[in-house]
């Protein structure tokens, strides 16, 4: 089984990094960053196996392939079980910092510029 979420606004050839707290009940579960080309061929560009104890999983400095037309973060399990996850973060950069709760916006800055 799987759950996947599209990563919008990616730039081909650029870097992305992902961080998420995750826990799986089966040892053959993983979190992946998947790229699809124009012929709908899937390429796993980053992957990490999930453990049965909750832990922060980081996939950093991932280069989006030049032939990508879609990019996803996905949680996969090859057998029956469950995956729990929380605190997902995505940045368009080579590394990711610590989780900070709340919305990210620049409204204060926009008001200061007006």
Protein backbone atom coordinates (compact mmCIF):
# COMPACT_ATOMS: atom_id res chain seq x y z
CA UNK A 1 0.00 0.00 0.00
CA UNK A 2 1.06 3.59 -0.42
CA UNK A 3 0.28 7.21 0.34
CA UNK A 4 1.81 9.90 -1.82
CA UNK A 5 1.68 13.67 -2.05
CA UNK A 6 2.66 15.74 -5.05
CA UNK A 7 5.51 18.21 -4.62
CA UNK A 8 4.41 21.25 -6.58
CA UNK A 9 6.59 24.08 -7.89
CA UNK A 10 9.73 21.94 -8.16
CA UNK A 11 12.46 23.08 -10.54
CA UNK A 12 14.24 20.51 -12.68
CA UNK A 13 17.88 20.18 -11.64
CA UNK A 14 17.29 21.96 -8.31
CA UNK A 15 17.67 20.63 -4.78
CA UNK A 16 14.93 19.58 -2.37
CA UNK A 17 15.07 18.24 1.17
CA UNK A 18 12.37 16.51 3.23
CA UNK A 19 12.00 15.82 6.93
CA UNK A 20 9.18 13.87 8.60
CA UNK A 21 8.62 12.00 11.86
CA UNK A 22 7.55 8.47 10.94
CA UNK A 23 6.91 5.03 12.42
CA UNK A 24 5.98 1.76 10.69
CA UNK A 25 4.66 -1.54 12.02
CA UNK A 26 6.38 -3.50 9.22
CA UNK A 27 10.13 -3.53 8.54
CA UNK A 28 9.67 -3.32 4.77
CA UNK A 29 8.14 0.17 4.83
CA UNK A 30 9.87 3.26 3.48
CA UNK A 31 9.57 6.93 2.66
CA UNK A 32 10.65 7.86 -0.86
CA UNK A 33 11.00 10.82 -3.18
CA UNK A 34 9.77 9.67 -6.59
CA UNK A 35 10.17 11.32 -9.97
CA UNK A 36 8.05 10.55 -13.03
CA UNK A 37 9.06 11.40 -16.59
CA UNK A 38 6.82 12.15 -19.58
CA UNK A 39 6.31 8.42 -20.28
CA UNK A 40 5.16 7.94 -16.64
CA UNK A 41 8.29 5.97 -15.71
CA UNK A 42 8.96 6.13 -11.96
CA UNK A 43 12.46 6.76 -10.63
CA UNK A 44 13.15 6.60 -6.90
CA UNK A 45 15.54 9.50 -6.33
CA UNK A 46 15.76 9.07 -2.53
CA UNK A 47 14.55 6.45 -0.06
CA UNK A 48 14.87 5.49 3.58
CA UNK A 49 13.50 2.46 5.43
CA UNK A 50 11.17 3.26 8.32
CA UNK A 51 11.62 1.73 11.76
CA UNK A 52 9.13 0.41 14.30
CA UNK A 53 10.06 3.17 16.72
CA UNK A 54 9.17 6.74 15.84
CA UNK A 55 12.06 8.76 14.48
CA UNK A 56 12.76 11.80 12.34
CA UNK A 57 13.60 10.79 8.79
CA UNK A 58 15.57 13.24 6.66
CA UNK A 59 16.15 13.00 2.93
CA UNK A 60 18.47 15.88 2.03
CA UNK A 61 20.27 17.35 -0.97
CA UNK A 62 18.07 15.54 -3.50
CA UNK A 63 18.54 16.70 -7.08
CA UNK A 64 15.33 16.74 -9.13
CA UNK A 65 16.06 14.94 -12.43
CA UNK A 66 16.07 17.07 -15.59
CA UNK A 67 13.39 14.86 -17.20
CA UNK A 68 10.89 15.13 -14.30
CA UNK A 69 7.30 16.08 -15.03
CA UNK A 70 6.03 15.10 -11.54
CA UNK A 71 7.68 14.63 -8.15
CA UNK A 72 6.13 13.01 -5.07
CA UNK A 73 6.91 12.20 -1.46
CA UNK A 74 5.53 8.71 -0.80
CA UNK A 75 5.14 6.25 2.05
CA UNK A 76 5.25 2.60 0.95
CA UNK A 77 4.67 -0.73 2.64
CA UNK A 78 5.05 -4.09 0.91
CA UNK A 79 2.82 -5.95 3.40
CA UNK A 80 -0.15 -5.31 5.66
CA UNK A 81 0.67 -2.87 8.42
CA UNK A 82 0.47 0.78 9.25
CA UNK A 83 2.62 3.87 8.90
CA UNK A 84 2.21 6.88 11.14
CA UNK A 85 3.75 10.21 10.23
CA UNK A 86 3.66 13.80 11.41
CA UNK A 87 5.56 17.07 11.21
CA UNK A 88 6.32 16.90 7.47
CA UNK A 89 8.56 19.61 6.04
CA UNK A 90 9.81 20.29 2.53
CA UNK A 91 12.36 22.90 1.52
CA UNK A 92 13.82 23.77 -1.85
CA UNK A 93 17.38 23.67 -0.50
CA UNK A 94 20.25 21.25 0.14
CA UNK A 95 19.44 20.75 3.85
CA UNK A 96 16.54 21.08 6.25
CA UNK A 97 16.39 22.52 9.77
CA UNK A 98 14.38 21.55 12.82
CA UNK A 99 10.59 21.37 12.74
CA UNK A 100 8.80 24.59 13.67
CA UNK A 101 5.07 24.36 14.26
CA UNK A 102 2.70 26.74 12.53
CA UNK A 103 2.07 28.38 9.20
CA UNK A 104 4.88 29.89 7.23
CA UNK A 105 4.09 33.21 5.66
CA UNK A 106 5.60 36.62 5.15
CA UNK A 107 2.52 38.74 5.91
CA UNK A 108 4.42 40.89 8.45
CA UNK A 109 7.08 41.63 5.86
CA UNK A 110 4.48 42.49 3.20
CA UNK A 111 2.79 44.92 5.61
CA UNK A 112 6.16 46.50 6.41
CA UNK A 113 6.89 47.03 2.70
CA UNK A 114 3.49 48.66 2.05
